[in-house]
Amino acid sequence: MLQLEPLMVGRLSDALPSGWSVKGELSSPGDRRLDGGQLAIVSLAGAQVPTVKSSAAMVAPAWTVLLVARKGDSAPALLDAALSATVDALHNWSMADPVGGRRWEPMILAQMSVPPMQDDALLGLAITFTTSALFRGQP
């Protein structure tokens, strides 16, 4: 499940407009400060378990892409462009090969929100996607 993150980071790195840096919360070491450009951070928000049988469970992780830009006249346009590129890149995206030994359902756009930012000079937009895969337990 956690191996989905670097794949999402790669897709977003290719899809977001120039000036955006993409980091994974687990897979990208280093600083998360905004240094001149804009930043997208991919992180696991949690997981639901919508279906449980005696020998298997469907696990549905939620992945959040946090888009961050400095407030100013260009911020709405920058975030709008990044929002469009993010949804274009991830909504209904199917991983061609199994990831972590599992076949994952296509990513589905689940929620958007405006999170509070610790720095008043920044504006953020959180976009959450879900997917699901079967985890087998004991027979």
Protein backbone atom coordinates (compact mmCIF):
# COMPACT_ATOMS: atom_id res chain seq x y z
CA MET A 1 0.00 0.00 0.00
CA LEU A 2 2.75 2.45 0.91
CA GLN A 3 4.52 1.67 -2.37
CA LEU A 4 1.79 3.63 -4.17
CA GLU A 5 3.29 6.91 -2.94
CA PRO A 6 6.40 7.08 -5.16
CA LEU A 7 4.26 6.16 -8.19
CA MET A 8 1.89 9.03 -7.43
CA VAL A 9 4.82 11.41 -6.90
CA GLY A 10 6.22 10.41 -10.31
CA ARG A 11 2.90 10.93 -12.10
CA LEU A 12 2.41 14.34 -10.48
CA SER A 13 6.00 15.40 -11.21
CA ASP A 14 5.30 14.76 -14.90
CA ALA A 15 1.83 16.35 -14.85
CA LEU A 16 2.09 19.54 -12.78
CA PRO A 17 2.96 22.82 -14.48
CA SER A 18 6.48 24.22 -14.39
CA GLY A 19 7.47 25.66 -11.02
CA TRP A 20 5.90 22.89 -8.93
CA SER A 21 8.04 20.63 -6.76
CA VAL A 22 6.50 17.27 -5.77
CA LYS A 23 7.47 15.41 -2.60
CA GLY A 24 6.25 12.22 -0.98
CA GLU A 25 5.77 12.29 2.78
CA LEU A 26 7.40 8.84 3.07
CA SER A 27 9.56 8.63 -0.03
CA SER A 28 11.07 12.11 -0.41
CA PRO A 29 13.58 13.05 2.25
CA GLY A 30 14.42 16.65 2.91
CA ASP A 31 12.91 20.00 3.58
CA ARG A 32 9.24 20.89 2.96
CA ARG A 33 9.79 24.65 2.95
CA LEU A 34 8.45 26.67 0.07
CA ASP A 35 11.46 28.29 -1.58
CA GLY A 36 10.18 30.48 -4.38
CA GLY A 37 8.05 27.94 -6.27
CA GLN A 38 5.02 25.90 -5.39
CA LEU A 39 4.93 22.58 -3.56
CA ALA A 40 2.81 19.42 -3.81
CA ILE A 41 3.06 16.85 -1.02
CA VAL A 42 1.64 13.34 -1.40
CA SER A 43 0.75 11.58 1.86
CA LEU A 44 -1.28 8.66 3.13
CA ALA A 45 -4.30 10.08 4.96
CA GLY A 46 -5.55 6.76 6.34
CA ALA A 47 -7.50 3.76 5.13
CA GLN A 48 -11.01 2.39 5.37
CA VAL A 49 -11.86 -1.31 5.46
CA PRO A 50 -15.21 -1.37 3.64
CA THR A 51 -15.51 -5.15 3.28
CA VAL A 52 -14.35 -7.88 5.63
CA LYS A 53 -14.82 -11.61 5.05
CA SER A 54 -13.49 -14.43 7.18
CA SER A 55 -10.43 -14.93 4.96
CA ALA A 56 -9.91 -11.51 3.34
CA ALA A 57 -10.46 -7.79 3.69
CA MET A 58 -10.81 -5.01 1.15
CA VAL A 59 -8.56 -2.12 2.20
CA ALA A 60 -9.18 1.34 0.76
CA PRO A 61 -6.36 3.82 1.46
CA ALA A 62 -6.94 7.53 1.02
CA TRP A 63 -4.08 9.56 -0.44
CA THR A 64 -3.97 13.33 -0.11
CA VAL A 65 -2.17 15.68 -2.45
CA LEU A 66 -1.56 18.98 -0.67
CA LEU A 67 -0.94 21.82 -3.13
CA VAL A 68 0.72 24.87 -1.56
CA ALA A 69 1.42 28.30 -3.04
CA ARG A 70 2.27 31.72 -1.64
CA LYS A 71 -0.73 34.04 -1.35
CA GLY A 72 -0.85 36.75 -3.97
CA ASP A 73 -2.49 37.76 -7.23
CA SER A 74 -1.24 34.66 -9.06
CA ALA A 75 -2.08 32.11 -6.31
CA PRO A 76 -5.63 31.28 -7.49
CA ALA A 77 -4.48 30.64 -11.07
CA LEU A 78 -1.48 28.58 -9.90
CA LEU A 79 -3.64 26.42 -7.64
CA ASP A 80 -6.38 26.06 -10.28
CA ALA A 81 -3.86 24.85 -12.87
CA ALA A 82 -2.32 22.42 -10.37
CA LEU A 83 -5.76 21.18 -9.31
CA SER A 84 -6.68 20.42 -12.92
CA ALA A 85 -3.36 18.69 -13.59
CA THR A 86 -3.66 16.63 -10.38
CA VAL A 87 -7.17 15.40 -11.16
CA ASP A 88 -6.19 14.72 -14.80
CA ALA A 89 -3.19 12.67 -13.64
CA LEU A 90 -4.75 10.67 -10.81
CA HIS A 91 -8.54 10.33 -11.17
CA ASN A 92 -9.35 6.95 -12.74
CA TRP A 93 -5.63 6.12 -13.01
CA SER A 94 -5.00 2.37 -12.92
CA MET A 95 -1.62 0.96 -12.04
CA ALA A 96 -0.61 -1.26 -14.97
CA ASP A 97 1.22 -3.79 -12.79
CA PRO A 98 0.59 -5.03 -9.26
CA VAL A 99 2.05 -2.77 -6.57
CA GLY A 100 3.18 -4.38 -3.33
CA GLY A 101 1.94 -7.73 -4.62
CA ARG A 102 -1.65 -6.48 -5.15
CA ARG A 103 -3.81 -5.28 -8.00
CA TRP A 104 -5.25 -1.89 -7.07
CA GLU A 105 -8.54 -0.44 -8.26
CA PRO A 106 -8.34 2.85 -10.19
CA MET A 107 -7.78 6.00 -8.11
CA ILE A 108 -11.00 7.91 -7.48
CA LEU A 109 -11.32 11.57 -6.52
CA ALA A 110 -12.94 11.54 -3.08
CA GLN A 111 -12.68 15.00 -1.51
CA MET A 112 -11.24 18.50 -1.72
CA SER A 113 -10.67 20.86 1.18
CA VAL A 114 -8.82 24.02 2.13
CA PRO A 115 -6.67 23.11 5.14
CA PRO A 116 -5.51 25.67 7.69
CA MET A 117 -1.90 26.62 7.02
CA GLN A 118 0.62 27.34 9.78
CA ASP A 119 2.03 30.23 7.75
CA ASP A 120 -0.48 32.99 6.91
CA ALA A 121 1.45 33.77 3.73
CA LEU A 122 0.56 30.36 2.24
CA LEU A 123 -2.59 29.03 0.62
CA GLY A 124 -3.25 25.30 0.37
CA LEU A 125 -5.66 22.94 -1.34
CA ALA A 126 -5.95 19.30 -0.25
CA ILE A 127 -7.18 16.80 -2.85
CA THR A 128 -7.92 13.28 -1.65
CA PHE A 129 -8.06 10.15 -3.81
CA THR A 130 -8.96 6.60 -2.82
CA THR A 131 -8.20 3.19 -4.24
CA SER A 132 -8.69 -0.33 -2.90
CA ALA A 133 -7.18 -3.79 -2.99
CA LEU A 134 -7.87 -7.19 -1.49
CA PHE A 135 -5.73 -8.29 1.45
CA ARG A 136 -5.93 -12.02 2.12
CA GLY A 137 -5.86 -13.37 5.65
CA GLN A 138 -5.85 -16.91 6.97
CA PRO A 139 -8.14 -19.44 5.25
